[in-house]
Amino acid sequence: MLAAAYSWMFPAGGGGGCSAMVHEGEEESTHTGPVELPELVAEVLGRQGFFTSDAEEAWAAIAETCGRLVDAEVDDAVATRRARQREEAARRVKAYDLRARVAVSVGADPRRRTLNFREALRQVAMYDPPADLRPLDTVVDVKATLAALENFIAEIAAAESECGVLTADIPVLGDAEAAAVVRVFDHMLATFLCERHKRAHGYTAEDHRAQPLREGGHVPLYYANVRSQSVHRRKVLSMAGLRNLVRRGPQIYRDLQAELFVGRPSAYGAGKGLDLMRDVTGNTVDLDTCVLRPSCPVQLRAINARNKHLRKAEHASARAFSASDEAKEIAVAAATHLLEQFCVDFKLDGDAAKARKVATEEIELPIPIASHNADRGVHPLWHYINCGVDSFHVNVPNLFDVNGALLKAPFRCAEVYLRVHYMSEDDDDLAARLDTFYEDAVADSCFNRKWKALEEYAGMLGRLGSITDVLQRTQKEHQEVFLNIVDGDDDAALAEEKAAMWRLVEGRLGREVATGQLRAITYDDVAAWVEDPAAVL
């Protein structure tokens, strides 16, 4: 068990089930409670002086002081972890050592070394995942799960028609594969609890007191445009909701499909459709389409630029544009086209179209105002004004977004998380990639935007992790190898370059641009790229 003295090494909330015990009144120590890092470093380095040249020696002194406050019964897993941290801290202090010596030689304050050493130890603690977090490749078969997810997402896409209507039964992942995906989400959520991500996303004491989220259970409500929760908490809820969709997504989709994807919450009974989705994900998918957003500065500038070109009056503000006849004309024209297309896709006419509130002849002027989610789906076209948002919506969904949000998003999220681990070359590379994953891929918003964020991130990964990209980065990182090869186009020089590159990349993985599949790089790939560096592989 870890002592409270090591609280700076294992941040609060990140140590899983580890408990702490302090030997109060220990004769060899003046401490009687938890020791903060600055106090501890000051004591040890104060005893030894600021000019300790041996980093390991300085660390050993600190470890000795800490050790006197640690319970004697430390299990093997924690002992191994502590040894790794000790080694990493020593390495970082060595890296700072030369810089500190230079500072002293030019007359700078020698206490700079204390700050450097403190920063090294802080980094070791901050960047460590929770103590009970296992490596991802011991949780799932990464390569097999990646292949299963890629094939499954492709199967869903193949079932979509040109307008997004599914032309076949909803594909369902097998029980074993679904269980593996749930384990990936468990790992994803546990990793997000390390100090690095807590600090980056505003983790709070309230977050620390929150009840654990169980797979398949209730997920509390959250809203991206309401600041009642930390970003960290909203992202946790987002991932928990996506995890629940692994098994509940198809059921929710069928409920929505049975009601022709109407956006009116009251159209679904308790425990069905939007009500079920809100319960198990904390949010919902939008079942309407925004045709005009006057509060968007980009759209307002575009309209004004067009009007200026046509020598028409420009709009002084978003509010002025929203109230104008021009805004209403644009909204009605766009809505009419989408409503007519929806009726064609779902074979609705007459009373059926009116019952679904998609009949174009029922578009009302002035356009009805909605200010709450319960107002959605009541009219063919409405004007939504709330929380700084000013937009016009038509009562039909973007089915590609709905399919993505409910049927693909959980699997895409797990896939890109696996790919981030699969593509990373070392711990530092993985930490940097996870930063971007949690920042950019995990959106704390409605599920339509979650899906878009995941697709954009997957596209970025696809470009960065392509076979060509891996070869280019390898050449850049090992320039000294290729500089020694005689420049030329003769067969001997090309063969030597191919051999050198193959030695560096053999066994590494890259994404094939043509198929999107992640696979091992082959010698033929290397040969093709050396002969034509512009080749897209």
Protein backbone atom coordinates (compact mmCIF):
# COMPACT_ATOMS: atom_id res chain seq x y z
CA MET A 1 0.00 0.00 0.00
CA LEU A 2 1.21 3.45 -0.83
CA ALA A 3 1.87 5.87 1.95
CA ALA A 4 0.45 9.36 1.93
CA ALA A 5 4.03 10.53 1.46
CA TYR A 6 3.74 9.27 -2.09
CA SER A 7 0.59 11.26 -2.79
CA TRP A 8 2.58 13.54 -5.09
CA MET A 9 3.67 10.52 -7.09
CA PHE A 10 0.22 8.93 -7.31
CA PRO A 11 -2.25 11.84 -7.60
CA ALA A 12 -5.57 11.71 -5.80
CA GLY A 13 -8.19 9.75 -7.69
CA GLY A 14 -5.63 8.16 -9.98
CA GLY A 15 -4.47 5.26 -7.86
CA GLY A 16 -7.37 2.91 -8.28
CA GLY A 17 -8.03 1.02 -5.07
CA CYS A 18 -4.65 1.70 -3.43
CA SER A 19 -4.92 2.77 0.18
CA ALA A 20 -2.40 4.79 2.16
CA MET A 21 -0.82 4.35 5.57
CA VAL A 22 1.56 6.72 7.34
CA HIS A 23 3.90 5.67 10.12
CA GLU A 24 3.23 8.57 12.41
CA GLY A 25 5.85 9.29 15.03
CA GLU A 26 8.59 7.47 13.13
CA GLU A 27 11.84 8.23 14.95
CA GLU A 28 13.88 8.78 11.80
CA SER A 29 11.44 11.25 10.30
CA THR A 30 10.18 14.60 11.45
CA HIS A 31 7.00 14.22 9.34
CA THR A 32 3.75 13.21 10.96
CA GLY A 33 1.46 13.42 7.96
CA PRO A 34 1.32 13.60 4.16
CA VAL A 35 4.44 15.13 2.65
CA GLU A 36 4.06 17.49 -0.29
CA LEU A 37 6.66 17.36 -3.03
CA PRO A 38 8.14 20.87 -2.61
CA GLU A 39 8.60 20.30 1.13
CA LEU A 40 10.24 16.92 0.58
CA VAL A 41 12.60 18.11 -2.14
CA ALA A 42 13.56 21.15 -0.11
CA GLU A 43 14.41 18.98 2.88
CA VAL A 44 16.52 16.43 1.02
CA LEU A 45 18.32 18.83 -1.29
CA GLY A 46 18.75 21.22 1.62
CA ARG A 47 20.60 18.50 3.48
CA GLN A 48 22.78 17.56 0.54
CA GLY A 49 23.26 20.97 -1.01
CA PHE A 50 22.16 22.22 -4.37
CA PHE A 51 25.28 20.99 -6.15
CA THR A 52 24.64 17.25 -6.00
CA SER A 53 26.18 16.06 -9.25
CA ASP A 54 24.85 12.50 -9.19
CA ALA A 55 21.16 12.42 -10.11
CA GLU A 56 20.70 8.85 -8.86
CA GLU A 57 22.24 9.81 -5.55
CA ALA A 58 19.81 12.69 -5.12
CA TRP A 59 16.91 10.44 -6.01
CA ALA A 60 18.13 7.75 -3.60
CA ALA A 61 18.11 10.27 -0.77
CA ILE A 62 14.54 11.27 -1.56
CA ALA A 63 13.48 7.64 -1.94
CA GLU A 64 15.03 6.87 1.43
CA THR A 65 13.09 9.68 3.07
CA CYS A 66 9.88 8.54 1.43
CA GLY A 67 10.57 4.93 2.23
CA ARG A 68 10.50 5.63 5.94
CA LEU A 69 6.90 6.75 5.53
CA VAL A 70 5.74 3.85 3.38
CA ASP A 71 4.06 0.78 4.73
CA ALA A 72 6.39 -2.20 4.55
CA GLU A 73 3.89 -4.39 2.74
CA VAL A 74 4.02 -3.15 -0.83
CA ASP A 75 2.77 -5.58 -3.44
CA ASP A 76 4.87 -6.49 -6.46
CA ALA A 77 2.83 -4.42 -8.94
CA VAL A 78 3.27 -1.21 -6.96
CA ALA A 79 6.94 -1.98 -6.26
CA THR A 80 7.56 -2.44 -9.97
CA ARG A 81 5.74 0.78 -10.74
CA ARG A 82 7.69 2.70 -8.12
CA ALA A 83 10.98 1.35 -9.50
CA ARG A 84 10.04 2.48 -12.99
CA GLN A 85 9.16 5.94 -11.75
CA ARG A 86 12.44 6.16 -9.84
CA GLU A 87 14.34 5.25 -13.00
CA GLU A 88 12.39 7.73 -15.13
CA ALA A 89 12.85 10.57 -12.64
CA ALA A 90 16.57 9.90 -12.50
CA ARG A 91 16.78 10.00 -16.28
CA ARG A 92 14.99 13.34 -16.43
CA VAL A 93 17.16 14.85 -13.71
CA LYS A 94 20.25 13.81 -15.66
CA ALA A 95 18.87 15.57 -18.70
CA TYR A 96 18.50 18.75 -16.63
CA ASP A 97 21.91 18.40 -14.98
CA LEU A 98 23.99 19.96 -17.74
CA ARG A 99 21.57 22.86 -18.07
CA ALA A 100 21.82 23.53 -14.34
CA ARG A 101 25.63 23.44 -14.40
CA VAL A 102 25.67 25.99 -17.20
CA ALA A 103 23.36 28.22 -15.18
CA VAL A 104 25.69 28.04 -12.19
CA SER A 105 28.77 28.75 -14.30
CA VAL A 106 27.35 32.04 -15.53
CA GLY A 107 26.34 33.16 -12.06
CA ALA A 108 22.65 32.27 -12.10
CA ASP A 109 20.85 31.27 -8.93
CA PRO A 110 21.98 27.67 -8.17
CA ARG A 111 18.52 26.91 -6.80
CA ARG A 112 17.43 26.51 -10.40
CA ARG A 113 18.51 22.92 -10.02
CA THR A 114 15.95 22.44 -7.28
CA LEU A 115 13.22 23.65 -9.59
CA ASN A 116 14.41 21.40 -12.39
CA PHE A 117 14.49 18.39 -10.12
CA ARG A 118 11.03 19.17 -8.76
CA GLU A 119 9.70 19.53 -12.28
CA ALA A 120 11.18 16.16 -13.27
CA LEU A 121 9.46 14.44 -10.36
CA ARG A 122 6.20 16.29 -11.03
CA GLN A 123 6.26 15.13 -14.64
CA VAL A 124 6.74 11.51 -13.63
CA ALA A 125 3.68 11.73 -11.39
CA MET A 126 1.55 13.81 -13.73
CA TYR A 127 2.00 11.67 -16.84
CA ASP A 128 1.45 8.31 -15.17
CA PRO A 129 -1.87 6.54 -15.70
CA PRO A 130 -3.80 5.14 -12.72
CA ALA A 131 -1.81 2.52 -10.85
CA ASP A 132 -4.21 -0.32 -11.64
CA LEU A 133 -4.39 0.38 -15.40
CA ARG A 134 -3.18 -2.53 -17.48
CA PRO A 135 -1.53 -2.09 -20.92
CA LEU A 136 -4.14 -2.11 -23.66
CA ASP A 137 -2.65 -5.12 -25.42
CA THR A 138 -3.30 -7.21 -22.29
CA VAL A 139 -6.97 -6.16 -22.31
CA VAL A 140 -7.81 -6.97 -25.94
CA ASP A 141 -6.15 -8.40 -29.01
CA VAL A 142 -5.49 -5.00 -30.58
CA LYS A 143 -4.90 -6.17 -34.14
CA ALA A 144 -7.87 -8.57 -34.25
CA THR A 145 -10.22 -6.04 -32.64
CA LEU A 146 -9.12 -3.33 -35.05
CA ALA A 147 -9.80 -5.57 -38.03
CA ALA A 148 -13.24 -6.55 -36.67
CA LEU A 149 -14.21 -2.91 -36.11
CA GLU A 150 -13.07 -1.76 -39.53
CA ASN A 151 -15.03 -4.55 -41.21
CA PHE A 152 -18.11 -3.86 -39.09
CA ILE A 153 -18.15 -0.12 -39.87
CA ALA A 154 -17.72 -0.92 -43.56
CA GLU A 155 -20.66 -3.36 -43.32
CA ILE A 156 -22.92 -0.61 -41.93
CA ALA A 157 -21.81 1.82 -44.66
CA ALA A 158 -22.57 -0.80 -47.33
CA ALA A 159 -26.15 -1.06 -46.02
CA GLU A 160 -26.79 2.68 -46.55
CA SER A 161 -28.54 3.92 -49.66
CA GLU A 162 -27.61 7.16 -51.40
CA CYS A 163 -29.99 9.07 -49.13
CA GLY A 164 -28.91 7.29 -45.94
CA VAL A 165 -31.88 4.90 -45.63
CA LEU A 166 -30.72 1.43 -44.59
CA THR A 167 -31.42 -1.11 -47.32
CA ALA A 168 -30.74 -4.14 -45.09
CA ASP A 169 -31.19 -5.20 -41.49
CA ILE A 170 -29.08 -3.33 -38.96
CA PRO A 171 -25.72 -5.13 -38.67
CA VAL A 172 -25.02 -6.35 -35.14
CA LEU A 173 -21.58 -7.10 -33.73
CA GLY A 174 -21.07 -10.56 -32.22
CA ASP A 175 -21.10 -10.99 -28.45
CA ALA A 176 -17.36 -11.65 -28.17
CA GLU A 177 -16.45 -8.66 -30.33
CA ALA A 178 -18.91 -6.41 -28.47
CA ALA A 179 -17.39 -7.46 -25.14
CA ALA A 180 -13.93 -6.58 -26.49
CA VAL A 181 -15.16 -3.12 -27.56
CA VAL A 182 -16.62 -2.53 -24.08
CA ARG A 183 -13.21 -3.40 -22.58
CA VAL A 184 -11.61 -0.86 -24.90
CA PHE A 185 -13.98 1.81 -23.54
CA ASP A 186 -13.23 0.73 -19.97
CA HIS A 187 -9.54 1.26 -20.69
CA MET A 188 -10.25 4.57 -22.41
CA LEU A 189 -12.16 5.88 -19.40
CA ALA A 190 -9.53 4.66 -16.93
CA THR A 191 -6.73 6.32 -18.90
CA PHE A 192 -8.66 9.59 -18.90
CA LEU A 193 -8.41 9.60 -15.08
CA CYS A 194 -4.65 10.14 -15.09
CA GLU A 195 -3.48 13.48 -13.74
CA ARG A 196 -2.41 14.73 -17.15
CA HIS A 197 -5.94 14.65 -18.53
CA LYS A 198 -7.56 15.78 -15.29
CA ARG A 199 -5.51 18.97 -15.38
CA ALA A 200 -6.04 19.53 -19.08
CA HIS A 201 -9.83 19.28 -18.84
CA GLY A 202 -10.64 20.94 -15.53
CA TYR A 203 -11.29 17.96 -13.23
CA THR A 204 -13.02 19.13 -10.05
CA ALA A 205 -13.73 17.91 -6.54
CA GLU A 206 -17.33 17.34 -7.63
CA ASP A 207 -16.07 15.05 -10.40
CA HIS A 208 -14.06 13.11 -7.81
CA ARG A 209 -17.21 12.52 -5.73
CA ALA A 210 -19.32 11.41 -8.71
CA GLN A 211 -20.73 7.90 -8.72
CA PRO A 212 -18.99 5.38 -11.00
CA LEU A 213 -20.60 4.77 -14.37
CA ARG A 214 -21.42 1.13 -15.07
CA GLU A 215 -21.62 -0.35 -18.55
CA GLY A 216 -25.27 -0.52 -19.59
CA GLY A 217 -26.39 1.73 -16.74
CA HIS A 218 -27.80 5.24 -16.45
CA VAL A 219 -25.68 8.18 -17.67
CA PRO A 220 -26.51 11.61 -16.16
CA LEU A 221 -27.64 14.36 -18.50
CA TYR A 222 -25.10 16.86 -19.82
CA TYR A 223 -25.20 19.76 -22.25
CA ALA A 224 -22.24 21.28 -24.10
CA ASN A 225 -23.58 24.85 -23.94
CA VAL A 226 -24.37 24.75 -20.20
CA ARG A 227 -21.45 25.29 -17.83
CA SER A 228 -22.77 23.29 -14.88
CA GLN A 229 -20.15 20.54 -15.31
CA SER A 230 -16.44 20.42 -16.00
CA VAL A 231 -15.25 19.57 -19.50
CA HIS A 232 -13.60 16.49 -18.00
CA ARG A 233 -16.92 15.28 -16.59
CA ARG A 234 -18.79 15.90 -19.84
CA LYS A 235 -16.17 13.93 -21.77
CA VAL A 236 -16.41 11.08 -19.26
CA LEU A 237 -20.18 11.04 -19.75
CA SER A 238 -19.70 11.16 -23.51
CA MET A 239 -17.45 8.09 -23.47
CA ALA A 240 -19.79 6.26 -21.07
CA GLY A 241 -22.70 6.97 -23.42
CA LEU A 242 -20.78 5.71 -26.44
CA ARG A 243 -19.90 2.57 -24.50
CA ASN A 244 -23.60 1.92 -23.83
CA LEU A 245 -24.42 2.33 -27.52
CA VAL A 246 -22.23 -0.67 -28.34
CA ARG A 247 -25.14 -2.88 -27.27
CA ARG A 248 -28.09 -0.46 -27.08
CA GLY A 249 -27.54 1.48 -30.32
CA PRO A 250 -29.43 -0.89 -32.65
CA GLN A 251 -32.44 -1.03 -30.31
CA ILE A 252 -32.63 2.77 -30.11
CA TYR A 253 -32.24 3.04 -33.88
CA ARG A 254 -35.13 0.62 -34.49
CA ASP A 255 -37.33 2.66 -32.14
CA LEU A 256 -36.56 5.84 -34.08
CA GLN A 257 -37.00 4.09 -37.41
CA ALA A 258 -40.46 2.86 -36.40
CA GLU A 259 -41.58 6.48 -35.86
CA LEU A 260 -39.90 7.70 -39.08
CA PHE A 261 -37.22 9.49 -37.02
CA VAL A 262 -39.56 12.14 -35.69
CA GLY A 263 -37.75 14.57 -33.38
CA ARG A 264 -40.66 15.09 -30.98
CA PRO A 265 -39.66 13.43 -27.67
CA SER A 266 -43.30 12.72 -26.74
CA ALA A 267 -43.65 10.50 -29.81
CA TYR A 268 -41.70 7.78 -28.01
CA GLY A 269 -42.90 5.91 -24.97
CA ALA A 270 -40.96 5.52 -21.75
CA GLY A 271 -37.83 3.45 -22.24
CA LYS A 272 -37.93 3.77 -26.03
CA GLY A 273 -36.30 5.88 -28.72
CA LEU A 274 -35.12 9.28 -27.54
CA ASP A 275 -36.17 8.55 -23.95
CA LEU A 276 -34.02 5.43 -23.84
CA MET A 277 -31.11 7.20 -25.51
CA ARG A 278 -31.23 10.06 -23.01
CA ASP A 279 -31.21 7.52 -20.16
CA VAL A 280 -28.24 5.43 -21.32
CA THR A 281 -26.13 8.16 -22.96
CA GLY A 282 -27.00 11.42 -21.15
CA ASN A 283 -27.74 13.09 -24.48
CA THR A 284 -29.57 12.50 -27.76
CA VAL A 285 -29.14 12.59 -31.50
CA ASP A 286 -30.70 15.52 -33.37
CA LEU A 287 -33.51 14.35 -35.64
CA ASP A 288 -33.93 17.63 -37.49
CA THR A 289 -31.71 19.51 -39.90
CA CYS A 290 -30.49 23.06 -39.46
CA VAL A 291 -31.02 24.91 -42.75
CA LEU A 292 -29.88 28.37 -41.62
CA ARG A 293 -28.04 29.69 -38.56
CA PRO A 294 -28.15 33.51 -38.37
CA SER A 295 -26.07 33.44 -35.17
CA CYS A 296 -23.16 31.96 -37.14
CA PRO A 297 -20.78 34.83 -38.13
CA VAL A 298 -19.53 32.90 -41.16
CA GLN A 299 -23.03 32.54 -42.59
CA LEU A 300 -23.83 36.20 -41.94
CA ARG A 301 -20.65 37.33 -43.71
CA ALA A 302 -21.46 35.11 -46.68
CA ILE A 303 -24.99 36.51 -46.97
CA ASN A 304 -23.75 40.09 -46.71
CA ALA A 305 -21.02 39.47 -49.28
CA ARG A 306 -23.61 38.08 -51.68
CA ASN A 307 -25.95 41.02 -51.04
CA LYS A 308 -23.14 43.51 -51.59
CA HIS A 309 -22.35 41.89 -54.93
CA LEU A 310 -26.04 42.08 -55.91
CA ARG A 311 -26.27 45.67 -54.62
CA LYS A 312 -28.81 44.63 -52.00
CA ALA A 313 -29.07 45.82 -48.40
CA GLU A 314 -26.65 44.21 -45.95
CA HIS A 315 -27.63 43.09 -42.44
CA ALA A 316 -26.17 45.05 -39.56
CA SER A 317 -26.26 42.16 -37.07
CA ALA A 318 -27.22 38.52 -36.61
CA ARG A 319 -30.43 39.59 -34.92
CA ALA A 320 -31.33 41.87 -37.83
CA PHE A 321 -30.66 39.08 -40.31
CA SER A 322 -32.69 36.58 -38.25
CA ALA A 323 -35.74 38.87 -38.31
CA SER A 324 -35.44 39.69 -42.02
CA ASP A 325 -37.64 38.43 -44.84
CA GLU A 326 -34.49 37.21 -46.58
CA ALA A 327 -33.70 34.76 -43.76
CA LYS A 328 -37.24 33.39 -43.89
CA GLU A 329 -37.08 32.99 -47.68
CA ILE A 330 -33.79 31.06 -47.46
CA ALA A 331 -35.13 28.82 -44.68
CA VAL A 332 -38.40 28.05 -46.49
CA ALA A 333 -36.67 27.27 -49.78
CA ALA A 334 -34.17 24.90 -48.16
CA ALA A 335 -36.86 23.27 -45.99
CA THR A 336 -39.17 22.69 -48.94
CA HIS A 337 -36.51 20.75 -50.84
CA LEU A 338 -35.60 18.57 -47.82
CA LEU A 339 -39.22 17.85 -46.90
CA GLU A 340 -40.07 16.79 -50.44
CA GLN A 341 -37.04 14.51 -50.60
CA PHE A 342 -37.91 12.89 -47.25
CA CYS A 343 -41.44 12.14 -48.50
CA VAL A 344 -39.97 10.48 -51.60
CA ASP A 345 -37.44 8.43 -49.59
CA PHE A 346 -40.07 7.13 -47.16
CA LYS A 347 -42.96 7.04 -49.66
CA LEU A 348 -45.15 9.49 -47.73
CA ASP A 349 -47.97 11.49 -49.24
CA GLY A 350 -51.23 13.13 -48.22
CA ASP A 351 -52.32 12.31 -44.68
CA ALA A 352 -49.14 10.32 -43.95
CA ALA A 353 -46.97 13.36 -44.70
CA LYS A 354 -49.20 15.58 -42.59
CA ALA A 355 -49.16 13.15 -39.67
CA ARG A 356 -45.34 13.09 -39.77
CA LYS A 357 -45.34 16.93 -40.00
CA VAL A 358 -43.38 16.97 -43.26
CA ALA A 359 -46.04 18.27 -45.68
CA THR A 360 -44.68 21.34 -47.46
CA GLU A 361 -48.13 22.94 -47.65
CA GLU A 362 -48.17 23.07 -43.85
CA ILE A 363 -45.10 25.32 -43.56
CA GLU A 364 -46.34 28.24 -41.48
CA LEU A 365 -45.62 31.94 -41.84
CA PRO A 366 -44.59 33.56 -39.66
CA ILE A 367 -42.30 30.64 -38.84
CA PRO A 368 -43.13 29.19 -35.37
CA ILE A 369 -40.64 29.89 -32.58
CA ALA A 370 -39.24 27.03 -30.48
CA SER A 371 -37.23 27.52 -27.31
CA HIS A 372 -37.08 24.03 -25.81
CA ASN A 373 -36.31 20.48 -26.95
CA ALA A 374 -39.96 19.55 -26.41
CA ASP A 375 -40.88 21.99 -29.21
CA ARG A 376 -38.97 19.97 -31.79
CA GLY A 377 -40.85 17.94 -34.39
CA VAL A 378 -44.12 19.80 -33.93
CA HIS A 379 -43.91 21.82 -37.19
CA PRO A 380 -42.37 21.15 -40.63
CA LEU A 381 -40.14 24.23 -40.12
CA TRP A 382 -39.39 26.18 -36.97
CA HIS A 383 -37.14 28.91 -35.65
CA TYR A 384 -35.08 27.96 -32.57
CA ILE A 385 -33.83 30.69 -30.20
CA ASN A 386 -32.14 29.68 -26.95
CA CYS A 387 -28.81 30.06 -25.07
CA GLY A 388 -27.31 32.34 -27.73
CA VAL A 389 -28.27 30.00 -30.56
CA ASP A 390 -30.45 31.38 -33.38
CA SER A 391 -31.26 28.85 -36.11
CA PHE A 392 -33.95 27.55 -38.47
CA HIS A 393 -34.71 23.79 -38.49
CA VAL A 394 -36.62 21.48 -40.78
CA ASN A 395 -38.41 18.42 -39.39
CA VAL A 396 -36.32 15.75 -41.16
CA PRO A 397 -33.02 14.24 -40.06
CA ASN A 398 -29.71 13.91 -41.80
CA LEU A 399 -29.86 10.13 -41.89
CA PHE A 400 -26.12 9.76 -42.43
CA ASP A 401 -25.61 11.61 -39.14
CA VAL A 402 -28.19 9.44 -37.37
CA ASN A 403 -26.61 6.25 -38.73
CA GLY A 404 -23.21 7.52 -37.71
CA ALA A 405 -24.23 8.68 -34.25
CA LEU A 406 -26.10 5.54 -33.22
CA LEU A 407 -24.61 2.70 -35.25
CA LYS A 408 -21.03 3.72 -36.10
CA ALA A 409 -19.82 6.24 -33.50
CA PRO A 410 -19.12 3.82 -30.63
CA PHE A 411 -17.14 1.53 -32.90
CA ARG A 412 -15.30 4.38 -34.60
CA CYS A 413 -14.35 5.77 -31.19
CA ALA A 414 -12.95 2.40 -30.06
CA GLU A 415 -11.22 1.97 -33.42
CA VAL A 416 -9.35 5.26 -33.33
CA TYR A 417 -8.37 4.67 -29.68
CA LEU A 418 -6.88 1.32 -30.70
CA ARG A 419 -5.17 2.91 -33.70
CA VAL A 420 -3.60 5.59 -31.51
CA HIS A 421 -2.02 2.87 -29.39
CA TYR A 422 -1.09 0.76 -32.39
CA MET A 423 0.64 3.63 -34.20
CA SER A 424 2.56 5.03 -31.22
CA GLU A 425 6.27 4.36 -31.19
CA ASP A 426 6.99 4.93 -27.48
CA ASP A 427 5.40 6.20 -24.27
CA ASP A 428 5.99 9.87 -25.08
CA ASP A 429 4.49 9.47 -28.55
CA LEU A 430 1.46 7.69 -27.08
CA ALA A 431 0.95 10.41 -24.45
CA ALA A 432 0.99 13.12 -27.13
CA ARG A 433 -1.43 11.21 -29.36
CA LEU A 434 -3.80 10.57 -26.46
CA ASP A 435 -3.82 14.31 -25.76
CA THR A 436 -5.22 14.96 -29.23
CA PHE A 437 -7.59 11.99 -29.01
CA TYR A 438 -9.32 13.20 -25.84
CA GLU A 439 -9.28 16.82 -27.01
CA ASP A 440 -10.43 16.40 -30.60
CA ALA A 441 -12.06 12.98 -31.01
CA VAL A 442 -14.19 12.93 -27.84
CA ALA A 443 -16.75 15.73 -28.24
CA ASP A 444 -18.87 16.72 -25.23
CA SER A 445 -21.87 17.64 -27.38
CA CYS A 446 -24.85 16.04 -29.11
CA PHE A 447 -24.22 12.75 -30.86
CA ASN A 448 -24.35 14.29 -34.33
CA ARG A 449 -21.28 16.35 -33.47
CA LYS A 450 -19.66 13.41 -31.70
CA TRP A 451 -19.88 11.45 -34.92
CA LYS A 452 -18.46 14.30 -37.01
CA ALA A 453 -15.59 14.81 -34.57
CA LEU A 454 -14.72 11.12 -34.69
CA GLU A 455 -14.80 11.04 -38.48
CA GLU A 456 -12.58 14.11 -38.73
CA TYR A 457 -10.12 12.63 -36.25
CA ALA A 458 -10.12 9.26 -38.03
CA GLY A 459 -9.41 11.06 -41.30
CA MET A 460 -6.51 12.88 -39.70
CA LEU A 461 -5.12 9.60 -38.35
CA GLY A 462 -5.53 8.01 -41.75
CA ARG A 463 -3.40 10.70 -43.34
CA LEU A 464 -0.78 10.68 -40.61
CA GLY A 465 -0.55 6.93 -40.30
CA SER A 466 -0.44 6.04 -43.99
CA ILE A 467 2.40 3.86 -45.23
CA THR A 468 3.82 6.84 -47.11
CA ASP A 469 3.68 8.95 -43.96
CA VAL A 470 5.51 6.28 -41.92
CA LEU A 471 8.26 6.02 -44.55
CA GLN A 472 8.64 9.80 -44.80
CA ARG A 473 8.86 10.24 -41.03
CA THR A 474 11.34 7.37 -40.76
CA GLN A 475 13.59 8.98 -43.36
CA LYS A 476 13.41 12.31 -41.54
CA GLU A 477 14.20 10.75 -38.16
CA HIS A 478 17.18 8.78 -39.53
CA GLN A 479 18.71 11.29 -41.91
CA GLU A 480 22.23 10.27 -40.90
CA VAL A 481 21.59 6.79 -42.32
CA PHE A 482 20.53 8.05 -45.73
CA LEU A 483 23.11 10.83 -45.94
CA ASN A 484 25.79 8.15 -46.03
CA ILE A 485 24.26 6.59 -49.14
CA VAL A 486 25.77 7.91 -52.34
CA ASP A 487 23.20 10.10 -54.07
CA GLY A 488 22.20 8.84 -57.45
CA ASP A 489 19.66 7.00 -59.52
CA ASP A 490 21.83 3.98 -60.33
CA ASP A 491 20.62 0.56 -59.28
CA ALA A 492 23.28 0.14 -56.59
CA ALA A 493 22.31 3.37 -54.79
CA LEU A 494 18.60 2.58 -54.97
CA ALA A 495 19.17 -0.94 -53.69
CA GLU A 496 21.22 0.38 -50.78
CA GLU A 497 18.51 2.92 -49.90
CA LYS A 498 15.81 0.25 -50.06
CA ALA A 499 17.82 -2.03 -47.80
CA ALA A 500 18.47 0.75 -45.29
CA MET A 501 14.82 1.75 -45.14
CA TRP A 502 13.66 -1.84 -44.86
CA ARG A 503 15.94 -2.41 -41.86
CA LEU A 504 14.30 0.56 -40.14
CA VAL A 505 10.62 -0.21 -40.87
CA GLU A 506 10.45 -4.00 -40.94
CA GLY A 507 7.65 -5.05 -38.60
CA ARG A 508 6.06 -1.59 -38.46
CA LEU A 509 2.47 -0.85 -39.46
CA GLY A 510 0.87 1.70 -41.75
CA ARG A 511 -2.55 2.38 -43.22
CA GLU A 512 -3.00 1.53 -46.88
CA VAL A 513 -4.63 4.56 -48.49
CA ALA A 514 -6.43 2.58 -51.20
CA THR A 515 -8.26 0.26 -48.78
CA GLY A 516 -8.01 2.13 -45.48
CA GLN A 517 -6.72 -1.07 -43.86
CA LEU A 518 -3.95 -1.04 -41.25
CA ARG A 519 -1.30 -3.62 -42.18
CA ALA A 520 2.38 -4.46 -41.92
CA ILE A 521 4.67 -2.51 -44.24
CA THR A 522 6.27 -4.77 -46.86
CA TYR A 523 9.53 -4.62 -48.77
CA ASP A 524 7.51 -3.94 -51.95
CA ASP A 525 6.09 -0.80 -50.28
CA VAL A 526 9.60 0.37 -49.47
CA ALA A 527 10.81 -0.33 -53.00
CA ALA A 528 7.87 1.54 -54.57
CA TRP A 529 8.41 4.57 -52.32
CA VAL A 530 12.20 4.74 -52.87
CA GLU A 531 11.69 4.63 -56.63
CA ASP A 532 8.91 7.25 -56.46
CA PRO A 533 8.81 9.33 -53.22
CA ALA A 534 5.52 10.90 -54.40
CA ALA A 535 3.78 7.50 -54.44
CA VAL A 536 0.61 7.28 -52.35
CA LEU A 537 0.76 3.98 -50.46
